[in-house]
Protein backbone atom coordinates (compact mmCIF):
# COMPACT_ATOMS: atom_id res chain seq x y z
CA MET A 1 -63.26 -20.78 -5.13
CA SER A 2 -62.44 -24.32 -4.14
CA THR A 3 -60.55 -25.06 -1.00
CA GLY A 4 -58.95 -28.55 -2.12
CA LYS A 5 -61.52 -30.47 0.06
CA GLY A 6 -64.20 -30.13 -1.96
CA GLU A 7 -65.65 -26.76 -0.56
CA GLN A 8 -66.45 -23.47 -2.47
CA VAL A 9 -65.39 -20.26 -0.74
CA PHE A 10 -67.33 -17.18 -0.41
CA ILE A 11 -66.35 -13.44 0.12
CA GLU A 12 -68.29 -10.69 1.83
CA LEU A 13 -68.54 -7.11 0.34
CA GLY A 14 -67.57 -4.36 2.44
CA ASP A 15 -68.33 -0.38 2.01
CA SER A 16 -68.68 0.82 -1.55
CA SER A 17 -66.91 4.23 -0.27
CA ASP A 18 -63.52 2.15 -0.83
CA GLU A 19 -64.48 2.61 -4.32
CA GLU A 20 -64.41 5.78 -4.76
CA GLU A 21 -60.66 5.88 -3.70
CA GLY A 22 -59.12 3.25 -6.47
CA TYR A 23 -58.71 0.35 -4.31
CA GLY A 24 -61.72 -1.85 -6.05
CA THR A 25 -63.76 -4.32 -4.07
CA PRO A 26 -62.44 -4.76 -0.83
CA ILE A 27 -62.68 -8.60 0.29
CA THR A 28 -63.22 -8.08 4.06
CA SER A 29 -64.23 -11.81 5.23
CA GLY A 30 -65.10 -14.91 3.96
CA HIS A 31 -65.66 -18.49 5.41
CA ALA A 32 -66.49 -21.97 3.71
CA ARG A 33 -70.11 -22.83 3.04
CA ASP A 34 -71.70 -25.85 3.40
CA ASP A 35 -72.35 -28.06 0.13
CA SER A 36 -75.97 -28.90 1.51
CA GLN A 37 -76.99 -24.88 1.82
CA PRO A 38 -79.14 -23.91 -1.49
CA ALA A 39 -77.18 -21.96 -4.10
CA ALA A 40 -78.89 -19.22 -6.20
CA GLU A 41 -80.99 -20.06 -8.83
CA SER A 42 -80.81 -16.84 -10.69
CA ASP A 43 -78.45 -13.64 -11.31
CA ALA A 44 -81.58 -11.90 -8.92
CA GLU A 45 -81.23 -14.14 -6.39
CA ALA A 46 -77.76 -14.23 -6.62
CA ASP A 47 -77.86 -10.64 -5.89
CA GLN A 48 -79.66 -10.45 -2.48
CA LEU A 49 -77.00 -12.92 -1.45
CA PRO A 50 -74.85 -11.33 1.36
CA PHE A 51 -71.86 -13.63 0.10
CA PHE A 52 -71.40 -14.29 -3.67
CA LEU A 53 -69.34 -17.10 -5.41
CA LEU A 54 -65.54 -16.49 -5.88
CA ASP A 55 -65.26 -17.93 -9.36
CA GLU A 56 -63.50 -16.31 -12.68
CA ARG A 57 -66.12 -14.26 -13.38
CA ASN A 58 -66.09 -12.41 -9.66
CA LEU A 59 -62.81 -12.00 -10.02
CA GLU A 60 -62.29 -10.17 -12.93
CA PRO A 61 -62.49 -6.84 -10.95
CA PHE A 62 -59.19 -7.90 -9.23
CA ALA A 63 -57.10 -8.68 -12.29
CA ASP A 64 -55.10 -5.88 -12.42
CA ASP A 65 -54.69 -6.02 -8.23
CA PHE A 66 -53.42 -9.74 -8.86
CA ALA A 67 -51.44 -9.65 -12.18
CA TYR A 68 -47.92 -10.26 -11.94
CA LYS A 69 -46.15 -7.35 -12.94
CA GLU A 70 -42.60 -7.75 -14.19
CA ALA A 71 -39.28 -5.44 -12.24
CA PRO A 72 -37.99 -2.46 -14.49
CA GLU A 73 -34.96 -3.81 -16.28
CA PRO A 74 -32.15 -1.94 -14.71
CA VAL A 75 -31.24 1.36 -16.45
CA ASP A 76 -26.92 2.34 -17.44
CA PRO A 77 -26.78 5.37 -15.78
CA GLU A 78 -23.72 6.04 -18.58
CA GLU A 79 -25.73 5.40 -21.38
CA VAL A 80 -28.78 7.57 -20.45
CA CYS A 81 -25.95 9.98 -19.88
CA LEU A 82 -24.56 9.67 -23.36
CA ASN A 83 -28.14 9.39 -25.06
CA ARG A 84 -28.48 13.15 -23.14
CA VAL A 85 -25.28 14.97 -24.39
CA LEU A 86 -26.09 13.13 -28.30
CA GLU A 87 -29.55 15.25 -28.11
CA VAL A 88 -26.84 18.24 -28.02
CA PHE A 89 -24.05 17.10 -29.60
CA PRO A 90 -25.34 14.22 -31.98
CA ASP A 91 -21.62 14.09 -33.58
CA ILE A 92 -19.57 13.85 -30.45
CA ASP A 93 -17.45 11.13 -30.06
CA HIS A 94 -19.12 8.72 -27.74
CA GLU A 95 -15.93 7.48 -26.14
CA HIS A 96 -14.88 11.09 -25.70
CA VAL A 97 -18.49 11.52 -23.46
CA ARG A 98 -18.06 8.38 -21.75
CA GLN A 99 -14.34 9.44 -20.57
CA LEU A 100 -16.34 12.51 -19.27
CA TYR A 101 -18.61 10.84 -17.78
CA LYS A 102 -16.14 9.06 -15.64
CA ALA A 103 -14.14 11.50 -14.59
CA ARG A 104 -16.76 13.95 -13.80
CA PRO A 105 -16.79 14.94 -9.71
CA VAL A 106 -19.52 12.37 -7.99
CA ILE A 107 -21.98 14.48 -6.76
CA ALA A 108 -24.31 13.81 -3.71
CA GLY A 109 -27.81 12.19 -4.46
CA GLU A 110 -26.58 12.81 -8.12
CA ALA A 111 -29.13 9.72 -8.61
CA ALA A 112 -32.01 12.51 -8.51
CA PRO A 113 -33.67 13.89 -11.42
CA HIS A 114 -32.64 17.86 -10.56
CA ASN A 115 -28.93 16.11 -10.66
CA ASP A 116 -28.44 14.76 -14.07
CA PRO A 117 -24.28 14.71 -14.74
CA SER A 118 -25.41 15.16 -18.47
CA GLU A 119 -26.04 18.81 -17.82
CA HIS A 120 -22.09 19.23 -16.36
CA LEU A 121 -20.87 17.33 -19.63
CA ILE A 122 -22.51 19.51 -21.88
CA VAL A 123 -21.57 22.66 -20.03
CA LYS A 124 -17.93 21.01 -19.99
CA VAL A 125 -18.17 20.36 -23.74
CA LEU A 126 -19.60 24.36 -24.19
CA ASP A 127 -16.99 25.34 -22.36
CA ALA A 128 -14.02 23.85 -24.53
CA GLY A 129 -15.26 25.16 -27.71
CA THR A 130 -14.59 21.99 -29.63
CA TYR A 131 -15.05 18.50 -28.99
CA PRO A 132 -13.58 15.08 -31.60
CA LYS A 133 -16.08 13.96 -33.50
CA GLU A 134 -17.21 10.08 -33.92
CA LYS A 135 -16.63 9.70 -37.44
CA ASP A 136 -13.08 10.76 -37.20
CA ARG A 137 -12.50 7.96 -34.51
CA ARG A 138 -14.70 5.20 -36.78
CA LYS A 139 -11.75 6.54 -39.40
CA GLU A 140 -8.88 5.98 -36.90
CA LEU A 141 -10.27 2.87 -35.93
CA LYS A 142 -10.55 1.44 -39.48
CA ARG A 143 -6.96 2.75 -40.51
CA LYS A 144 -5.52 0.70 -37.44
CA ARG A 145 -7.19 -2.45 -38.71
CA ALA A 146 -5.95 -2.01 -42.05
CA ALA A 147 -2.37 -1.10 -40.89
CA SER A 148 -2.29 -4.55 -38.79
CA ALA A 149 -3.35 -6.34 -41.81
CA ALA A 150 -0.80 -4.93 -43.85
CA SER A 151 1.76 -5.73 -41.01
CA SER A 152 0.71 -9.09 -40.94
CA GLN A 153 1.12 -9.49 -44.49
CA GLY A 154 4.12 -7.50 -44.64
CA GLU A 155 5.67 -10.18 -42.36
CA THR A 156 4.64 -13.29 -44.54
CA ALA A 157 5.95 -10.79 -47.62
CA ALA A 158 9.56 -10.52 -46.35
CA TRP A 159 9.84 -14.29 -46.44
CA GLU A 160 8.59 -14.32 -49.93
CA VAL A 161 11.35 -12.21 -51.43
CA ALA A 162 12.65 -13.79 -54.28
CA GLU A 163 15.91 -12.06 -53.82
CA ARG A 164 17.11 -12.67 -50.17
CA GLU A 165 20.62 -12.85 -48.41
CA LYS A 166 22.44 -16.26 -48.97
CA ALA A 167 22.01 -18.40 -46.54
CA THR A 168 25.04 -18.75 -43.77
CA THR A 169 26.14 -22.28 -42.72
CA GLN A 170 24.52 -22.20 -39.30
CA TYR A 171 20.85 -20.99 -40.85
CA SER A 172 21.17 -23.40 -43.58
CA GLU A 173 21.57 -26.39 -41.12
CA GLU A 174 19.14 -25.47 -38.22
CA ALA A 175 16.63 -24.52 -40.89
CA ARG A 176 17.42 -28.24 -42.61
CA ASN A 177 16.92 -29.58 -38.64
CA LEU A 178 13.59 -27.69 -38.55
CA LEU A 179 12.07 -28.97 -42.18
CA LYS A 180 13.08 -32.58 -41.11
CA GLU A 181 11.17 -32.32 -37.62
CA GLU A 182 8.31 -30.74 -39.77
CA PHE A 183 7.78 -33.27 -42.69
CA PRO A 184 8.83 -36.37 -40.72
CA TYR A 185 7.37 -38.83 -43.61
CA ILE A 186 9.96 -37.17 -46.08
CA PRO A 187 13.63 -38.39 -46.66
CA THR A 188 16.05 -36.59 -45.16
CA ARG A 189 17.74 -36.83 -48.47
CA PHE A 190 15.08 -35.15 -50.23
CA VAL A 191 14.63 -32.20 -47.29
CA ASP A 192 18.30 -31.43 -48.12
CA GLN A 193 17.88 -31.30 -51.49
CA THR A 194 15.02 -29.74 -51.72
CA PHE A 195 16.59 -26.69 -49.87
CA ARG A 196 19.47 -26.55 -51.59
CA GLN A 197 17.14 -25.39 -54.75
CA HIS A 198 14.97 -22.53 -52.78
CA GLY A 199 18.12 -21.59 -50.32
CA HIS A 200 15.47 -20.97 -47.43
CA LEU A 201 12.96 -22.27 -44.71
CA TYR A 202 9.59 -20.55 -45.99
CA PRO A 203 9.91 -21.28 -50.07
CA THR A 204 11.23 -25.10 -48.89
CA TYR A 205 8.42 -25.60 -46.21
CA PHE A 206 6.16 -25.24 -49.29
CA ALA A 207 7.57 -27.25 -51.75
CA LEU A 208 7.83 -29.64 -49.43
CA GLU A 209 4.04 -29.10 -48.23
CA ARG A 210 2.91 -29.26 -52.34
CA GLU A 211 5.15 -32.72 -52.56
CA GLU A 212 3.68 -34.47 -49.43
CA ARG A 213 0.12 -33.04 -50.65
CA THR A 214 0.51 -34.66 -53.88
CA TYR A 215 1.98 -37.71 -53.11
CA ASP A 216 0.83 -40.40 -55.67
CA GLU A 217 3.22 -43.88 -55.48
CA SER A 218 1.18 -44.76 -58.94
CA LYS A 219 2.74 -41.66 -60.46
CA PHE A 220 6.09 -42.28 -59.78
CA PRO A 221 7.07 -39.84 -57.19
CA PRO A 222 10.26 -38.21 -56.41
CA TYR A 223 10.95 -39.84 -53.10
CA ASN A 224 9.75 -42.95 -51.46
CA ARG A 225 7.64 -41.80 -48.32
CA ILE A 226 8.79 -43.34 -44.89
CA LYS A 227 6.81 -45.82 -43.28
CA ASN A 228 7.57 -44.75 -39.53
CA PRO A 229 7.63 -41.17 -39.24
CA ARG A 230 11.28 -39.90 -37.93
CA LYS A 231 11.32 -39.24 -34.23
CA GLN A 232 12.16 -36.21 -32.95
CA LYS A 233 15.20 -34.91 -30.85
CA ALA A 234 15.21 -34.66 -27.45
CA SER A 235 17.74 -31.52 -28.44
CA SER A 236 15.01 -30.07 -30.26
CA CYS A 237 13.71 -26.46 -30.31
CA LEU A 238 10.24 -27.90 -31.21
CA SER A 239 10.52 -29.97 -28.16
CA PRO A 240 7.84 -28.89 -25.56
CA PHE A 241 11.05 -28.91 -23.16
CA PRO A 242 14.10 -28.08 -24.98
CA MET A 243 17.21 -28.70 -23.24
CA SER A 244 18.55 -25.43 -23.65
CA PRO A 245 16.87 -21.79 -24.51
CA PRO A 246 17.05 -21.24 -28.39
CA GLY A 247 19.70 -18.68 -29.74
CA PRO A 248 19.38 -15.19 -31.98
CA LEU A 249 19.21 -16.94 -35.42
CA VAL A 250 17.07 -20.53 -33.89
CA ILE A 251 14.34 -17.73 -32.75
CA GLU A 252 13.96 -16.31 -36.31
CA LEU A 253 13.64 -19.27 -38.01
CA LEU A 254 11.20 -20.27 -35.62
CA LYS A 255 9.43 -17.10 -36.82
CA GLU A 256 9.86 -18.02 -40.49
CA LEU A 257 8.44 -21.26 -39.60
CA GLU A 258 5.74 -20.00 -37.83
CA ALA A 259 4.76 -17.84 -40.96
CA ALA A 260 5.09 -20.46 -43.59
CA ARG A 261 2.31 -22.56 -41.04
CA LYS A 262 0.04 -19.26 -41.06
CA LYS A 263 -0.27 -19.75 -44.81
CA ARG A 264 -0.52 -23.31 -45.12
CA ARG A 265 -3.84 -22.88 -42.89
CA LYS A 266 -5.19 -20.22 -44.88
CA GLU A 267 -4.32 -21.77 -48.25
CA ASP A 268 -5.92 -25.66 -46.39
CA THR A 269 -8.91 -24.17 -45.75
CA LYS A 270 -9.45 -22.29 -49.18
CA ARG A 271 -8.74 -25.76 -50.61
CA GLN A 272 -11.24 -27.77 -48.35
CA LEU A 273 -14.07 -24.40 -49.02
CA GLN A 274 -13.33 -25.47 -52.85
CA LYS A 275 -13.75 -28.84 -52.60
CA ASP A 276 -16.84 -28.93 -50.88
CA GLU A 277 -18.24 -26.50 -53.02
CA GLU A 278 -17.01 -29.12 -56.30
CA ASP A 279 -18.76 -31.51 -54.12
CA ALA A 280 -22.32 -29.65 -53.78
CA GLU A 281 -22.27 -29.20 -57.21
CA ALA A 282 -21.26 -32.96 -58.44
CA SER A 283 -24.09 -34.35 -55.93
CA ASN A 284 -26.21 -31.40 -57.40
CA GLU A 285 -25.93 -32.84 -60.88
CA ARG A 286 -26.07 -36.28 -59.71
CA GLU A 287 -29.34 -35.84 -58.33
CA HIS A 288 -30.75 -33.91 -61.20
CA ARG A 289 -29.39 -36.63 -63.73
CA GLU A 290 -30.84 -39.45 -61.36
CA ASN A 291 -34.02 -37.30 -61.48
CA GLY A 292 -34.33 -36.76 -65.15
CA MET A 293 -33.95 -40.65 -65.97
CA MET A 294 -36.69 -41.69 -63.55
CA MET A 295 -39.08 -39.00 -65.01
CA GLU A 296 -37.97 -40.30 -68.69
CA CYS A 297 -38.31 -43.98 -67.40
CA GLN A 298 -42.02 -42.90 -66.00
CA THR A 299 -42.86 -41.67 -69.25
CA THR A 300 -41.82 -44.27 -71.05
CA SER A 301 -43.75 -46.68 -68.76
CA ASN A 302 -47.42 -44.53 -69.18
CA SER A 303 -46.84 -44.11 -72.84
CA PRO A 304 -49.58 -46.13 -74.92
CA ASN A 305 -48.28 -49.14 -77.07
CA VAL A 306 -49.08 -48.38 -80.45
CA LEU A 307 -49.79 -51.46 -82.90
CA LEU A 308 -48.91 -51.19 -86.33
């Protein structure tokens, strides 16, 4: 082995009795040998020397001793306990076992093998006579998710009811104000006219959104788009710092407005995905058409000229 100064290190073998104890060949001493000292010319001569060169071949017996051993990954005792309980009750509710584990009495030296907490949990389940099932817990979670989705859809459906109560004067005034701020490029007169046709904020919102999304000056639109958007009033409830807290009516209107915004975002996402698919198909067709024309041109150019 090189010491970094052009020298080679030689190691003296110790007593062979240590090998019987499983420690391998010990290294008892070592020193640097002068480069002028003649090296052994054969394996037989090397065996007679009291020292041997510590190269890769001579290091092989020590490979296991010097090998890097990774530290074992930490084990979660709760997971270990759960798996052991599942071996006895494979259909038991996992969360029920976790709750029992957390509520168990802590035993001194519980980490020892003879103090396995899973035994205490198994006995507790047996004493209870019955236990909740994992499949029932999953069914309940699925039911709750479905109920939550239905509740969200129900809130939206409430605003989409065709036969809603006639809006009060205050409702109409506040709703028109919100819509005018939501669509600052649409003239006030057109917002009022559209609201009178639909009667409530939610349907009027989507009527205005459709007109704004499909606006095209070349197709004689029903209104002239405002060049400079309307400025938001300081007293607006949509302002980041409203002058006064909104009342109950405005709070309900804000919920209706947020429901409309939420549905609009979903529809915008669907339209964008559909547009991306159509663009991808058009691009593929154009590429195939260009490749076909190129192949046709190549075939024409490679065809032999026939002289009549």
